[in-house]
Amino acid sequence: MASRVRLPRVTLANLRPAPGSQQNQKRVGRGQGSGYGRTAGRGANGQNSRSGPGPKLSFEGGQTPITKLFPKRGFVNRNAKTYAPVNLDRIQHWVDQGRLESSPEKPITARELLLSGCVHSVHDGIKILGDGAEHLKSPLYIVASRASYSAIQAIENKGGKIVCKFYNELAIRDCVKGRTDRISAAPTRREDIQWYTEHRNRGFLSPETLGALGNLPFVEERWGLLAKQLNAFRKQSFDRGRK
């Protein structure tokens, strides 16, 4: 039998770095006798011999950088949203193929439209458009971010219901993933509150819209509470100071 090799016990007394893993620090700028004096191995004096990160990436030696040679126009609106448009004829075609189902218990949302391939990206929400309304023949129940007036009229003429719900970035992500453990955010900007409290937009904060929806399964109880709170501004009066 082969004899076992007995290794020494590892203690603080025999711990040391592996051979060749450490090297002596190169000391520069300590006189000409070491060979690294004067310029310390950096060559002639100049910008590259100084410490620090050096010039910024857009620096072009002092000439006018290219970013200043091109004119600028406009600005980026941080409050702007990009909606994914969906026409009624496309939704009807998906329903005919069996790729979409619409019922009061299971309305069409951004999740169903994305998973069925009706849209390739939900962006900031779904907007229902009225193109191809003459091909609509099924009663649809839809919860979207926006809808045109022609689409609303066409859906309701066929016995369907549509409601526009506010989605922020986190809420639309939860809707796509099917998460229901978090409460979706309510609108905070004045423009959003005014838009979603209008019945002509079928906003989910409009008392008339909630009354028309009745007790449909997809109507949340929280919508009524938010509608009562966020519609209070319509009854408020402010005292103006006398001049």
Protein backbone atom coordinates (compact mmCIF):
# COMPACT_ATOMS: atom_id res chain seq x y z
CA MET A 1 0.00 0.00 0.00
CA ALA A 2 1.18 3.48 -0.80
CA SER A 3 2.09 5.44 2.25
CA ARG A 4 0.16 8.60 2.88
CA VAL A 5 2.04 11.88 2.71
CA ARG A 6 1.51 13.74 5.91
CA LEU A 7 1.15 17.45 5.25
CA PRO A 8 2.17 19.97 7.87
CA ARG A 9 -0.54 21.62 9.82
CA VAL A 10 -1.51 25.07 8.56
CA THR A 11 -0.96 27.71 11.24
CA LEU A 12 -0.25 31.40 11.36
CA ALA A 13 3.40 30.55 11.85
CA ASN A 14 3.82 28.84 8.45
CA LEU A 15 1.45 30.94 6.31
CA ARG A 16 3.32 32.80 3.56
CA PRO A 17 2.56 33.97 0.00
CA ALA A 18 3.13 31.57 -2.86
CA PRO A 19 6.55 31.78 -4.47
CA GLY A 20 6.59 34.35 -7.28
CA SER A 21 3.24 35.87 -6.36
CA GLN A 22 4.73 39.07 -4.99
CA GLN A 23 7.22 41.47 -6.52
CA ASN A 24 9.04 44.42 -5.16
CA GLN A 25 7.47 47.80 -5.89
CA LYS A 26 9.18 49.81 -8.63
CA ARG A 27 10.29 53.00 -6.93
CA VAL A 28 10.48 55.81 -9.47
CA GLY A 29 11.61 59.39 -9.11
CA ARG A 30 14.21 58.59 -6.47
CA GLY A 31 17.37 59.69 -8.28
CA GLN A 32 19.27 58.82 -11.44
CA GLY A 33 21.12 55.90 -9.90
CA SER A 34 18.07 53.64 -10.11
CA GLY A 35 17.48 54.35 -13.78
CA TYR A 36 13.99 55.66 -13.06
CA GLY A 37 14.82 59.15 -11.87
CA ARG A 38 14.08 62.52 -13.40
CA THR A 39 11.08 61.73 -15.64
CA ALA A 40 10.30 58.48 -13.73
CA GLY A 41 10.02 56.40 -16.89
CA ARG A 42 7.34 58.63 -18.42
CA GLY A 43 9.47 60.09 -21.18
CA ALA A 44 9.63 63.81 -21.88
CA ASN A 45 7.59 66.27 -19.87
CA GLY A 46 4.12 67.03 -21.12
CA GLN A 47 0.49 66.13 -20.70
CA ASN A 48 1.09 62.39 -20.70
CA SER A 49 3.67 62.66 -17.93
CA ARG A 50 1.21 64.20 -15.47
CA SER A 51 -0.96 62.23 -13.11
CA GLY A 52 -4.72 62.20 -13.44
CA PRO A 53 -7.23 60.92 -15.97
CA GLY A 54 -6.12 63.31 -18.70
CA PRO A 55 -8.38 65.29 -21.03
CA LYS A 56 -12.05 64.41 -21.39
CA LEU A 57 -13.19 62.20 -24.24
CA SER A 58 -14.71 65.06 -26.23
CA PHE A 59 -11.49 67.11 -26.15
CA GLU A 60 -10.08 67.55 -29.67
CA GLY A 61 -6.86 69.39 -28.97
CA GLY A 62 -8.38 72.83 -28.63
CA GLN A 63 -10.32 73.02 -31.86
CA THR A 64 -14.09 73.34 -31.84
CA PRO A 65 -15.47 69.90 -30.94
CA ILE A 66 -17.85 68.22 -33.32
CA THR A 67 -20.67 68.36 -30.78
CA LYS A 68 -20.66 72.15 -31.09
CA LEU A 69 -20.53 72.20 -34.87
CA PHE A 70 -24.00 70.68 -35.30
CA PRO A 71 -27.06 72.82 -34.51
CA LYS A 72 -29.49 71.76 -31.79
CA ARG A 73 -33.23 72.08 -31.97
CA GLY A 74 -36.07 71.11 -29.70
CA PHE A 75 -35.96 69.27 -26.40
CA VAL A 76 -36.88 65.92 -24.87
CA ASN A 77 -40.15 65.99 -22.98
CA ARG A 78 -39.73 63.81 -19.90
CA ASN A 79 -43.49 63.61 -19.38
CA ALA A 80 -44.22 62.39 -22.91
CA LYS A 81 -45.46 58.82 -23.31
CA THR A 82 -45.33 56.48 -26.27
CA TYR A 83 -48.40 54.28 -26.64
CA ALA A 84 -48.63 51.11 -28.69
CA PRO A 85 -51.54 51.59 -31.15
CA VAL A 86 -53.92 48.72 -31.83
CA ASN A 87 -56.78 48.91 -34.32
CA LEU A 88 -60.14 47.24 -33.84
CA ASP A 89 -59.90 45.18 -37.03
CA ARG A 90 -56.65 43.65 -35.80
CA ILE A 91 -58.22 42.73 -32.45
CA GLN A 92 -61.23 41.20 -34.22
CA HIS A 93 -58.91 39.17 -36.45
CA TRP A 94 -57.08 37.84 -33.38
CA VAL A 95 -60.41 36.94 -31.76
CA ASP A 96 -61.55 35.08 -34.89
CA GLN A 97 -58.34 33.07 -34.88
CA GLY A 98 -58.79 32.16 -31.22
CA ARG A 99 -55.64 33.98 -30.16
CA LEU A 100 -57.57 36.43 -27.97
CA GLU A 101 -60.49 35.94 -25.61
CA SER A 102 -62.64 38.72 -24.21
CA SER A 103 -65.18 38.38 -21.42
CA PRO A 104 -66.20 40.32 -18.30
CA GLU A 105 -64.21 37.83 -16.22
CA LYS A 106 -61.11 38.08 -18.42
CA PRO A 107 -60.88 41.40 -20.27
CA ILE A 108 -58.24 42.19 -22.85
CA THR A 109 -55.28 44.01 -21.28
CA ALA A 110 -51.72 44.82 -22.31
CA ARG A 111 -50.63 41.37 -21.11
CA GLU A 112 -53.00 39.48 -23.43
CA LEU A 113 -52.13 41.67 -26.41
CA LEU A 114 -48.39 41.14 -25.88
CA LEU A 115 -48.53 37.40 -25.24
CA SER A 116 -50.79 36.81 -28.25
CA GLY A 117 -48.46 38.73 -30.56
CA CYS A 118 -51.00 41.43 -31.34
CA VAL A 119 -48.39 44.00 -30.29
CA HIS A 120 -44.65 43.55 -30.17
CA SER A 121 -44.09 46.00 -27.31
CA VAL A 122 -46.44 47.73 -24.90
CA HIS A 123 -44.16 50.80 -24.56
CA ASP A 124 -45.90 53.07 -22.01
CA GLY A 125 -49.35 51.55 -22.53
CA ILE A 126 -51.91 50.45 -25.11
CA LYS A 127 -54.05 52.84 -27.16
CA ILE A 128 -57.12 51.45 -28.94
CA LEU A 129 -57.84 53.05 -32.32
CA GLY A 130 -61.02 52.90 -34.35
CA ASP A 131 -59.61 51.88 -37.74
CA GLY A 132 -61.50 48.90 -39.13
CA ALA A 133 -64.51 49.45 -36.86
CA GLU A 134 -66.80 48.13 -39.60
CA HIS A 135 -65.18 44.70 -39.18
CA LEU A 136 -65.91 44.55 -35.45
CA LYS A 137 -68.60 41.99 -34.66
CA SER A 138 -67.76 40.68 -31.18
CA PRO A 139 -68.51 42.41 -27.86
CA LEU A 140 -65.12 43.33 -26.43
CA TYR A 141 -64.14 44.05 -22.83
CA ILE A 142 -60.89 46.00 -22.81
CA VAL A 143 -58.77 47.71 -20.15
CA ALA A 144 -56.28 49.98 -21.92
CA SER A 145 -54.34 53.17 -21.27
CA ARG A 146 -56.01 55.30 -23.94
CA ALA A 147 -58.72 54.94 -26.57
CA SER A 148 -59.99 57.11 -29.41
CA TYR A 149 -63.58 58.34 -29.49
CA SER A 150 -64.35 56.29 -32.59
CA ALA A 151 -63.04 53.12 -30.94
CA ILE A 152 -65.09 53.75 -27.78
CA GLN A 153 -68.27 54.27 -29.79
CA ALA A 154 -67.69 51.18 -31.95
CA ILE A 155 -67.00 48.92 -28.94
CA GLU A 156 -70.04 50.10 -27.01
CA ASN A 157 -72.29 49.80 -30.06
CA LYS A 158 -71.47 46.09 -30.17
CA GLY A 159 -72.32 45.63 -26.49
CA GLY A 160 -68.78 45.73 -25.17
CA LYS A 161 -67.13 47.84 -22.49
CA ILE A 162 -63.86 49.73 -22.43
CA VAL A 163 -62.16 51.57 -19.59
CA CYS A 164 -58.95 53.56 -19.68
CA LYS A 165 -56.68 52.97 -16.70
CA PHE A 166 -53.57 54.90 -15.68
CA TYR A 167 -50.30 52.95 -15.78
CA ASN A 168 -46.92 54.20 -14.73
CA GLU A 169 -43.70 52.37 -15.62
CA LEU A 170 -43.93 49.94 -12.69
CA ALA A 171 -47.67 49.32 -13.10
CA ILE A 172 -47.42 48.46 -16.81
CA ARG A 173 -44.56 46.09 -16.00
CA ASP A 174 -46.65 44.35 -13.34
CA CYS A 175 -49.57 44.12 -15.76
CA VAL A 176 -47.43 42.44 -18.41
CA LYS A 177 -45.94 39.99 -15.90
CA GLY A 178 -49.34 39.26 -14.36
CA ARG A 179 -48.43 40.43 -10.87
CA THR A 180 -51.33 41.34 -8.59
CA ASP A 181 -49.52 41.53 -5.25
CA ARG A 182 -48.79 45.24 -5.62
CA ILE A 183 -51.19 48.17 -5.77
CA SER A 184 -50.81 50.16 -8.96
CA ALA A 185 -50.02 53.84 -8.64
CA ALA A 186 -52.64 56.55 -9.03
CA PRO A 187 -52.08 59.53 -11.34
CA THR A 188 -50.42 62.53 -9.69
CA ARG A 189 -49.98 65.00 -12.55
CA ARG A 190 -52.82 67.44 -13.13
CA GLU A 191 -53.12 66.58 -16.81
CA ASP A 192 -53.45 62.87 -16.04
CA ILE A 193 -56.02 63.42 -13.30
CA GLN A 194 -58.15 65.60 -15.56
CA TRP A 195 -57.95 63.14 -18.45
CA TYR A 196 -58.86 60.02 -16.46
CA THR A 197 -61.74 61.75 -14.65
CA GLU A 198 -63.52 62.53 -17.94
CA HIS A 199 -66.37 60.22 -18.92
CA ARG A 200 -65.91 60.90 -22.64
CA ASN A 201 -62.44 59.32 -22.31
CA ARG A 202 -63.93 56.40 -20.35
CA GLY A 203 -61.42 57.11 -17.59
CA PHE A 204 -61.41 54.79 -14.61
CA LEU A 205 -61.72 57.80 -12.26
CA SER A 206 -64.99 59.02 -13.78
CA PRO A 207 -68.10 58.33 -11.66
CA GLU A 208 -70.20 58.10 -14.84
CA THR A 209 -67.85 55.48 -16.30
CA LEU A 210 -67.89 53.43 -13.10
CA GLY A 211 -71.68 53.64 -13.02
CA ALA A 212 -71.91 52.40 -16.59
CA LEU A 213 -69.56 49.50 -15.85
CA GLY A 214 -71.65 48.43 -12.89
CA ASN A 215 -70.46 45.35 -11.03
CA LEU A 216 -68.34 43.82 -13.77
CA PRO A 217 -65.71 41.44 -12.38
CA PHE A 218 -62.71 43.42 -13.61
CA VAL A 219 -63.83 46.67 -11.90
CA GLU A 220 -61.67 47.23 -8.82
CA GLU A 221 -63.14 48.57 -5.60
CA ARG A 222 -60.21 50.97 -5.31
CA TRP A 223 -61.30 52.80 -8.46
CA GLY A 224 -64.38 54.17 -6.69
CA LEU A 225 -62.32 55.42 -3.74
CA LEU A 226 -59.83 57.13 -6.02
CA ALA A 227 -62.60 58.67 -8.09
CA LYS A 228 -64.14 60.17 -4.96
CA GLN A 229 -60.82 61.60 -3.78
CA LEU A 230 -59.44 62.88 -7.08
CA ASN A 231 -62.72 64.43 -8.24
CA ALA A 232 -62.88 66.64 -5.17
CA PHE A 233 -61.05 69.43 -7.02
CA ARG A 234 -64.13 70.03 -9.19
CA LYS A 235 -66.15 71.15 -6.13
CA GLN A 236 -63.42 73.19 -4.46
CA SER A 237 -63.47 76.97 -4.57
CA PHE A 238 -60.51 79.21 -3.89
CA ASP A 239 -60.69 82.70 -2.41
CA ARG A 240 -58.93 85.25 -4.56
CA GLY A 241 -57.32 88.16 -2.83
CA ARG A 242 -58.77 91.57 -3.41
CA LYS A 243 -56.68 94.03 -5.31
